[in-house]
Amino acid sequence: MRGLPGPRFALRKALTTLQTASFMAFRVLVTDDVDPEGVALLLAEPELQIDEVPTLPRDELLRRISDYDAIVGRSATRISSELLHAATKLKVV
């Protein structure tokens, strides 16, 4: 049985999605102690502005998410319908 794609695949796919959307800089929120190797892949891309933060409390995440085009995290950050509604610029999860 084949497993799910690894984090490198997911990060590369997210980056490709962002790159095809436009040629401007994209803000990416990285949370939940994502592996440093994955963060390094994102930081290597000049068209991305990466904000790496620890797991945010729900209310703070809801306040901040509207500024971001993408969010990269692990299971500690719940992607709820309320979060998606507040994320007016979000293109990639």
Protein backbone atom coordinates (compact mmCIF):
# COMPACT_ATOMS: atom_id res chain seq x y z
CA MET A 1 0.00 0.00 0.00
CA ARG A 2 1.36 3.38 -0.92
CA GLY A 3 1.48 6.04 1.81
CA LEU A 4 0.66 9.70 1.63
CA PRO A 5 3.11 12.03 -0.10
CA GLY A 6 5.86 13.35 2.15
CA PRO A 7 6.22 16.93 3.35
CA ARG A 8 8.58 17.87 0.51
CA PHE A 9 5.93 16.92 -2.04
CA ALA A 10 3.25 18.88 -0.19
CA LEU A 11 5.44 21.99 0.12
CA ARG A 12 6.46 21.83 -3.54
CA LYS A 13 2.83 21.43 -4.64
CA ALA A 14 1.77 24.39 -2.48
CA LEU A 15 4.55 26.52 -3.90
CA THR A 16 3.59 25.62 -7.47
CA THR A 17 -0.01 26.62 -6.74
CA LEU A 18 1.11 29.98 -5.37
CA GLN A 19 3.49 30.63 -8.25
CA THR A 20 0.84 30.05 -10.89
CA ALA A 21 -1.65 32.37 -9.17
CA SER A 22 0.39 35.54 -9.80
CA PHE A 23 3.90 36.96 -9.96
CA MET A 24 3.79 38.90 -6.71
CA ALA A 25 5.15 38.00 -3.28
CA PHE A 26 2.97 35.69 -1.23
CA ARG A 27 2.74 35.66 2.54
CA VAL A 28 2.92 32.22 4.10
CA LEU A 29 2.14 31.52 7.74
CA VAL A 30 4.12 28.54 9.04
CA THR A 31 2.97 27.25 12.40
CA ASP A 32 3.06 24.16 14.63
CA ASP A 33 6.81 23.51 14.58
CA VAL A 34 7.00 22.44 10.95
CA ASP A 35 10.20 20.52 10.23
CA PRO A 36 13.12 22.95 9.65
CA GLU A 37 13.93 21.25 6.35
CA GLY A 38 10.43 22.08 5.08
CA VAL A 39 10.72 25.68 6.27
CA ALA A 40 14.10 25.93 4.51
CA LEU A 41 12.45 24.88 1.23
CA LEU A 42 9.97 27.73 1.60
CA LEU A 43 12.60 30.28 2.65
CA ALA A 44 14.63 29.43 -0.47
CA GLU A 45 11.84 30.77 -2.68
CA PRO A 46 12.27 34.53 -3.19
CA GLU A 47 8.61 35.12 -4.05
CA LEU A 48 7.47 33.92 -0.62
CA GLN A 49 7.43 35.94 2.57
CA ILE A 50 7.53 33.39 5.39
CA ASP A 51 6.27 34.13 8.90
CA GLU A 52 7.22 31.25 11.20
CA VAL A 53 5.32 31.27 14.49
CA PRO A 54 4.53 28.74 17.21
CA THR A 55 1.03 27.32 17.40
CA LEU A 56 -1.29 30.30 17.76
CA PRO A 57 -4.34 30.48 20.02
CA ARG A 58 -7.56 30.26 18.00
CA ASP A 59 -8.54 33.93 18.43
CA GLU A 60 -5.12 35.23 17.43
CA LEU A 61 -5.03 32.97 14.38
CA LEU A 62 -8.46 34.23 13.33
CA ARG A 63 -7.23 37.83 13.65
CA ARG A 64 -4.06 37.22 11.64
CA ILE A 65 -5.09 34.76 8.91
CA SER A 66 -6.63 37.37 6.59
CA ASP A 67 -3.10 38.67 5.85
CA TYR A 68 -1.88 35.36 4.41
CA ASP A 69 -2.03 33.59 1.06
CA ALA A 70 -1.05 30.22 2.51
CA ILE A 71 -0.82 28.39 5.81
CA VAL A 72 1.53 25.49 6.50
CA GLY A 73 1.16 23.61 9.75
CA ARG A 74 0.69 20.34 11.49
CA SER A 75 -2.25 18.92 13.39
CA ALA A 76 -2.14 21.41 16.28
CA THR A 77 -3.72 24.13 14.11
CA ARG A 78 -7.30 23.23 13.25
CA ILE A 79 -8.50 24.43 9.86
CA SER A 80 -12.12 25.12 10.69
CA SER A 81 -14.86 26.64 8.55
CA GLU A 82 -14.58 29.75 10.74
CA LEU A 83 -10.87 30.01 9.92
CA LEU A 84 -11.49 29.54 6.19
CA HIS A 85 -14.19 32.24 6.29
CA ALA A 86 -11.75 34.67 7.95
CA ALA A 87 -8.96 33.78 5.51
CA THR A 88 -10.05 36.05 2.67
CA LYS A 89 -6.71 35.79 0.76
CA LEU A 90 -5.95 32.14 1.50
CA LYS A 91 -5.11 30.05 -1.56
CA VAL A 92 -3.20 27.10 -0.10
CA VAL A 93 -3.57 25.05 3.08
